Amino acid sequence: MKRYRPHAVPRRAAQRPDPRSLFRQPDAGFYRLPELEIRGGYILTDGCRRVLDFAPERLCLDMGRFVITLYGAGLRIESFAGRRLSVAGQVTRIDFTRKWGAEHGET
């Protein structure tokens, strides 16, 4: 008895990416995006311009084109040097809001 074998689909030659595309510059808005890093009970931000509102339950940050609001309990600012901010505490929610919205040509 013959074994059933599905028809083999011919493989296309693997398309190799152009080396220039691997090392090209990212899109123009890439470097202006907010950066958050969560590590063991700490949130590290890069690009924070200023703290807009601060309470143990809510922390509102100006991140350029975005406003980031952290909600939780026992929130405290550990350090704020340059544009790097370190926050400790229990975070339960993070909201991202555009400052000006999509009507100003932002996507």
N, C-alpha and C. Protein backbone atom coordinates (compact mmCIF):
# COMPACT_ATOMS: atom_id res chain seq x y z
N MET A 1 0.84 -1.16 0.00
CA MET A 1 0.00 0.00 0.00
C MET A 1 0.89 1.23 0.00
N LYS A 2 0.50 2.19 -0.79
CA LYS A 2 1.28 3.39 -0.94
C LYS A 2 0.93 4.39 0.17
N ARG A 3 1.94 5.04 0.73
CA ARG A 3 1.70 6.06 1.75
C ARG A 3 1.26 7.36 1.09
N TYR A 4 0.38 8.03 1.78
CA TYR A 4 -0.09 9.33 1.26
C TYR A 4 0.92 10.41 1.62
N ARG A 5 1.34 11.15 0.64
CA ARG A 5 2.21 12.29 0.87
C ARG A 5 1.59 13.50 0.22
N PRO A 6 1.42 14.57 1.00
CA PRO A 6 0.87 15.77 0.38
C PRO A 6 1.84 16.30 -0.67
N HIS A 7 1.27 16.94 -1.66
CA HIS A 7 2.11 17.49 -2.71
C HIS A 7 3.04 18.53 -2.13
N ALA A 8 4.26 18.41 -2.45
CA ALA A 8 5.25 19.37 -1.96
C ALA A 8 5.11 20.67 -2.74
N VAL A 9 5.04 21.74 -1.99
CA VAL A 9 4.97 23.06 -2.61
C VAL A 9 6.39 23.48 -2.92
N PRO A 10 6.65 23.83 -4.18
CA PRO A 10 8.03 24.22 -4.49
C PRO A 10 8.43 25.46 -3.70
N ARG A 11 9.62 25.40 -3.15
CA ARG A 11 10.13 26.54 -2.37
C ARG A 11 10.64 27.61 -3.31
N ARG A 12 10.34 28.80 -2.96
CA ARG A 12 10.88 29.92 -3.71
C ARG A 12 12.32 30.13 -3.26
N ALA A 13 13.07 30.65 -4.13
CA ALA A 13 14.44 30.99 -3.74
C ALA A 13 14.36 32.02 -2.63
N ALA A 14 15.08 31.78 -1.58
CA ALA A 14 15.05 32.69 -0.43
C ALA A 14 15.47 34.08 -0.88
N GLN A 15 14.58 35.02 -0.62
CA GLN A 15 14.90 36.39 -0.99
C GLN A 15 15.75 37.00 0.10
N ARG A 16 16.91 37.38 -0.26
CA ARG A 16 17.81 37.98 0.71
C ARG A 16 17.58 39.49 0.72
N PRO A 17 17.55 40.07 1.91
CA PRO A 17 17.35 41.52 1.96
C PRO A 17 18.58 42.25 1.42
N ASP A 18 18.31 43.39 0.87
CA ASP A 18 19.38 44.25 0.38
C ASP A 18 20.17 44.75 1.59
N PRO A 19 21.49 44.61 1.63
CA PRO A 19 22.27 45.06 2.80
C PRO A 19 22.06 46.54 3.13
N ARG A 20 21.80 47.34 2.12
CA ARG A 20 21.56 48.77 2.40
C ARG A 20 20.30 48.97 3.22
N SER A 21 19.28 48.12 3.01
CA SER A 21 18.04 48.28 3.77
C SER A 21 18.23 47.88 5.24
N LEU A 22 19.19 47.03 5.52
CA LEU A 22 19.45 46.63 6.91
C LEU A 22 20.04 47.76 7.73
N PHE A 23 20.78 48.65 7.09
CA PHE A 23 21.49 49.70 7.81
C PHE A 23 20.95 51.10 7.53
N ARG A 24 19.74 51.17 6.99
CA ARG A 24 19.19 52.49 6.68
C ARG A 24 18.69 53.16 7.96
N GLN A 25 18.49 54.45 7.90
CA GLN A 25 17.99 55.21 9.04
C GLN A 25 16.53 54.88 9.29
N PRO A 26 16.09 54.85 10.54
CA PRO A 26 14.67 54.64 10.84
C PRO A 26 13.85 55.84 10.37
N ASP A 27 12.54 55.68 10.40
CA ASP A 27 11.64 56.76 10.01
C ASP A 27 11.89 57.99 10.87
N ALA A 28 11.47 59.15 10.36
CA ALA A 28 11.77 60.43 11.01
C ALA A 28 11.22 60.50 12.44
N GLY A 29 10.04 59.96 12.70
CA GLY A 29 9.45 60.07 14.03
C GLY A 29 9.92 59.03 15.03
N PHE A 30 10.79 58.13 14.63
CA PHE A 30 11.22 57.04 15.50
C PHE A 30 11.89 57.53 16.77
N TYR A 31 12.75 58.51 16.66
CA TYR A 31 13.54 58.96 17.82
C TYR A 31 12.73 59.85 18.77
N ARG A 32 11.55 60.24 18.38
CA ARG A 32 10.73 61.08 19.25
C ARG A 32 9.67 60.29 20.00
N LEU A 33 9.68 58.98 19.89
CA LEU A 33 8.70 58.17 20.59
C LEU A 33 9.11 58.00 22.05
N PRO A 34 8.13 57.93 22.96
CA PRO A 34 8.48 57.73 24.37
C PRO A 34 9.07 56.35 24.58
N GLU A 35 9.95 56.26 25.56
CA GLU A 35 10.61 54.99 25.86
C GLU A 35 10.37 54.65 27.32
N LEU A 36 9.80 53.48 27.57
CA LEU A 36 9.55 52.99 28.93
C LEU A 36 10.18 51.62 29.07
N GLU A 37 10.74 51.39 30.24
CA GLU A 37 11.34 50.09 30.54
C GLU A 37 10.87 49.68 31.93
N ILE A 38 10.28 48.51 32.03
CA ILE A 38 9.76 48.02 33.32
C ILE A 38 10.70 46.94 33.82
N ARG A 39 11.24 47.15 35.03
CA ARG A 39 12.18 46.20 35.62
C ARG A 39 11.87 46.02 37.10
N GLY A 40 11.42 44.88 37.46
CA GLY A 40 11.26 44.49 38.86
C GLY A 40 10.72 45.56 39.79
N GLY A 41 9.57 46.13 39.50
CA GLY A 41 8.97 47.13 40.38
C GLY A 41 9.39 48.55 40.08
N TYR A 42 10.25 48.75 39.10
CA TYR A 42 10.68 50.09 38.70
C TYR A 42 10.29 50.33 37.25
N ILE A 43 9.97 51.56 36.95
CA ILE A 43 9.75 51.98 35.57
C ILE A 43 10.78 53.04 35.26
N LEU A 44 11.54 52.82 34.20
CA LEU A 44 12.55 53.77 33.76
C LEU A 44 12.05 54.42 32.47
N THR A 45 12.10 55.72 32.40
CA THR A 45 11.69 56.43 31.19
C THR A 45 12.89 57.17 30.63
N ASP A 46 12.90 57.32 29.33
CA ASP A 46 13.94 58.10 28.68
C ASP A 46 13.24 59.09 27.77
N GLY A 47 13.56 60.36 27.91
CA GLY A 47 12.94 61.40 27.11
C GLY A 47 11.88 62.18 27.87
N CYS A 48 11.85 62.05 29.18
CA CYS A 48 10.87 62.79 29.99
C CYS A 48 11.27 64.25 30.07
N ARG A 49 10.40 65.13 29.63
CA ARG A 49 10.71 66.57 29.67
C ARG A 49 10.42 67.17 31.04
N ARG A 50 9.27 66.80 31.61
CA ARG A 50 8.94 67.32 32.94
C ARG A 50 7.82 66.49 33.55
N VAL A 51 7.68 66.62 34.85
CA VAL A 51 6.60 65.97 35.59
C VAL A 51 5.46 66.97 35.67
N LEU A 52 4.30 66.61 35.11
CA LEU A 52 3.16 67.53 35.09
C LEU A 52 2.33 67.46 36.36
N ASP A 53 2.17 66.25 36.90
CA ASP A 53 1.35 66.07 38.09
C ASP A 53 1.91 64.89 38.88
N PHE A 54 1.96 65.02 40.18
CA PHE A 54 2.51 63.94 40.99
C PHE A 54 1.70 63.75 42.25
N ALA A 55 1.27 62.54 42.49
CA ALA A 55 0.61 62.10 43.71
C ALA A 55 0.97 60.63 43.90
N PRO A 56 0.85 60.09 45.11
CA PRO A 56 1.19 58.68 45.32
C PRO A 56 0.35 57.71 44.48
N GLU A 57 -0.82 58.16 43.99
CA GLU A 57 -1.69 57.30 43.18
C GLU A 57 -1.61 57.61 41.69
N ARG A 58 -1.00 58.74 41.31
CA ARG A 58 -1.00 59.15 39.90
C ARG A 58 0.24 59.98 39.60
N LEU A 59 0.87 59.69 38.47
CA LEU A 59 2.05 60.41 38.03
C LEU A 59 1.87 60.72 36.55
N CYS A 60 1.92 61.99 36.20
CA CYS A 60 1.68 62.44 34.83
C CYS A 60 2.98 63.04 34.29
N LEU A 61 3.46 62.51 33.13
CA LEU A 61 4.75 62.88 32.58
C LEU A 61 4.62 63.48 31.18
N ASP A 62 5.36 64.54 30.92
CA ASP A 62 5.43 65.13 29.59
C ASP A 62 6.58 64.45 28.85
N MET A 63 6.24 63.72 27.77
CA MET A 63 7.24 62.97 27.01
C MET A 63 7.35 63.49 25.58
N GLY A 64 7.27 64.79 25.39
CA GLY A 64 7.36 65.34 24.04
C GLY A 64 5.99 65.40 23.41
N ARG A 65 5.75 64.58 22.40
CA ARG A 65 4.45 64.56 21.73
C ARG A 65 3.40 63.80 22.52
N PHE A 66 3.79 63.10 23.57
CA PHE A 66 2.87 62.28 24.35
C PHE A 66 2.85 62.72 25.81
N VAL A 67 1.73 62.46 26.46
CA VAL A 67 1.62 62.58 27.92
C VAL A 67 1.36 61.16 28.42
N ILE A 68 2.20 60.70 29.32
CA ILE A 68 2.05 59.37 29.88
C ILE A 68 1.62 59.51 31.33
N THR A 69 0.54 58.82 31.70
CA THR A 69 0.02 58.86 33.06
C THR A 69 0.13 57.47 33.66
N LEU A 70 0.80 57.38 34.80
CA LEU A 70 0.95 56.13 35.53
C LEU A 70 -0.02 56.16 36.72
N TYR A 71 -0.81 55.10 36.87
CA TYR A 71 -1.72 54.98 38.00
C TYR A 71 -1.29 53.79 38.84
N GLY A 72 -1.44 53.91 40.14
CA GLY A 72 -1.06 52.80 41.01
C GLY A 72 -1.13 53.19 42.47
N ALA A 73 -0.27 52.56 43.27
CA ALA A 73 -0.23 52.82 44.71
C ALA A 73 1.23 52.99 45.13
N GLY A 74 1.46 53.94 45.97
CA GLY A 74 2.80 54.16 46.51
C GLY A 74 3.82 54.58 45.46
N LEU A 75 3.38 55.31 44.46
CA LEU A 75 4.31 55.74 43.42
C LEU A 75 5.25 56.81 43.97
N ARG A 76 6.51 56.69 43.64
CA ARG A 76 7.49 57.68 44.08
C ARG A 76 8.58 57.82 43.03
N ILE A 77 9.09 59.01 42.89
CA ILE A 77 10.16 59.27 41.94
C ILE A 77 11.47 58.97 42.64
N GLU A 78 12.22 58.01 42.10
CA GLU A 78 13.51 57.64 42.67
C GLU A 78 14.61 58.58 42.20
N SER A 79 14.60 58.91 40.91
CA SER A 79 15.60 59.83 40.39
C SER A 79 15.08 60.48 39.12
N PHE A 80 15.57 61.69 38.86
CA PHE A 80 15.22 62.44 37.66
C PHE A 80 16.45 63.23 37.27
N ALA A 81 17.23 62.70 36.33
CA ALA A 81 18.47 63.34 35.91
C ALA A 81 18.45 63.45 34.39
N GLY A 82 18.67 64.64 33.89
CA GLY A 82 18.59 64.84 32.46
C GLY A 82 17.18 64.59 32.00
N ARG A 83 17.00 63.64 31.13
CA ARG A 83 15.66 63.25 30.68
C ARG A 83 15.32 61.82 31.09
N ARG A 84 16.10 61.27 32.01
CA ARG A 84 15.83 59.92 32.51
C ARG A 84 15.14 60.00 33.87
N LEU A 85 14.03 59.32 33.97
CA LEU A 85 13.23 59.33 35.20
C LEU A 85 13.05 57.89 35.66
N SER A 86 13.21 57.67 36.95
CA SER A 86 13.02 56.35 37.54
C SER A 86 11.89 56.44 38.56
N VAL A 87 10.88 55.59 38.39
CA VAL A 87 9.71 55.59 39.26
C VAL A 87 9.59 54.22 39.92
N ALA A 88 9.30 54.21 41.21
CA ALA A 88 9.09 52.96 41.95
C ALA A 88 7.68 52.95 42.50
N GLY A 89 7.19 51.77 42.79
CA GLY A 89 5.84 51.62 43.33
C GLY A 89 5.07 50.58 42.56
N GLN A 90 3.80 50.40 42.94
CA GLN A 90 2.95 49.42 42.28
C GLN A 90 2.13 50.12 41.20
N VAL A 91 2.42 49.83 39.94
CA VAL A 91 1.71 50.44 38.82
C VAL A 91 0.60 49.50 38.38
N THR A 92 -0.62 50.03 38.30
CA THR A 92 -1.76 49.22 37.89
C THR A 92 -2.24 49.55 36.48
N ARG A 93 -1.92 50.76 36.00
CA ARG A 93 -2.37 51.16 34.67
C ARG A 93 -1.46 52.24 34.12
N ILE A 94 -1.26 52.22 32.79
CA ILE A 94 -0.47 53.24 32.10
C ILE A 94 -1.30 53.76 30.94
N ASP A 95 -1.49 55.08 30.87
CA ASP A 95 -2.23 55.71 29.77
C ASP A 95 -1.29 56.53 28.92
N PHE A 96 -1.44 56.41 27.60
CA PHE A 96 -0.69 57.20 26.63
C PHE A 96 -1.67 58.12 25.93
N THR A 97 -1.38 59.42 25.91
CA THR A 97 -2.25 60.39 25.26
C THR A 97 -1.40 61.30 24.39
N ARG A 98 -1.85 61.50 23.14
CA ARG A 98 -1.16 62.46 22.27
C ARG A 98 -1.50 63.87 22.73
N LYS A 99 -0.51 64.75 22.69
CA LYS A 99 -0.75 66.13 23.10
C LYS A 99 -1.66 66.86 22.12
N TRP A 100 -1.37 66.70 20.82
CA TRP A 100 -2.06 67.50 19.82
C TRP A 100 -2.99 66.71 18.95
N GLY A 101 -2.98 65.40 19.01
CA GLY A 101 -3.87 64.57 18.21
C GLY A 101 -3.38 64.41 16.80
N ALA A 102 -4.16 63.69 16.00
CA ALA A 102 -3.75 63.34 14.65
C ALA A 102 -4.00 64.47 13.65
N GLU A 103 -4.67 65.53 14.03
CA GLU A 103 -4.94 66.60 13.07
C GLU A 103 -3.71 67.41 12.70
N HIS A 104 -2.61 67.25 13.41
CA HIS A 104 -1.38 67.98 13.12
C HIS A 104 -0.40 67.16 12.30
N GLY A 105 -0.91 66.19 11.53
CA GLY A 105 -0.05 65.41 10.65
C GLY A 105 0.69 64.29 11.34
N GLU A 106 0.26 63.90 12.53
CA GLU A 106 0.92 62.83 13.26
C GLU A 106 0.16 61.53 13.04
N THR A 107 0.87 60.46 13.01
CA THR A 107 0.22 59.16 12.85
C THR A 107 0.45 58.32 14.07
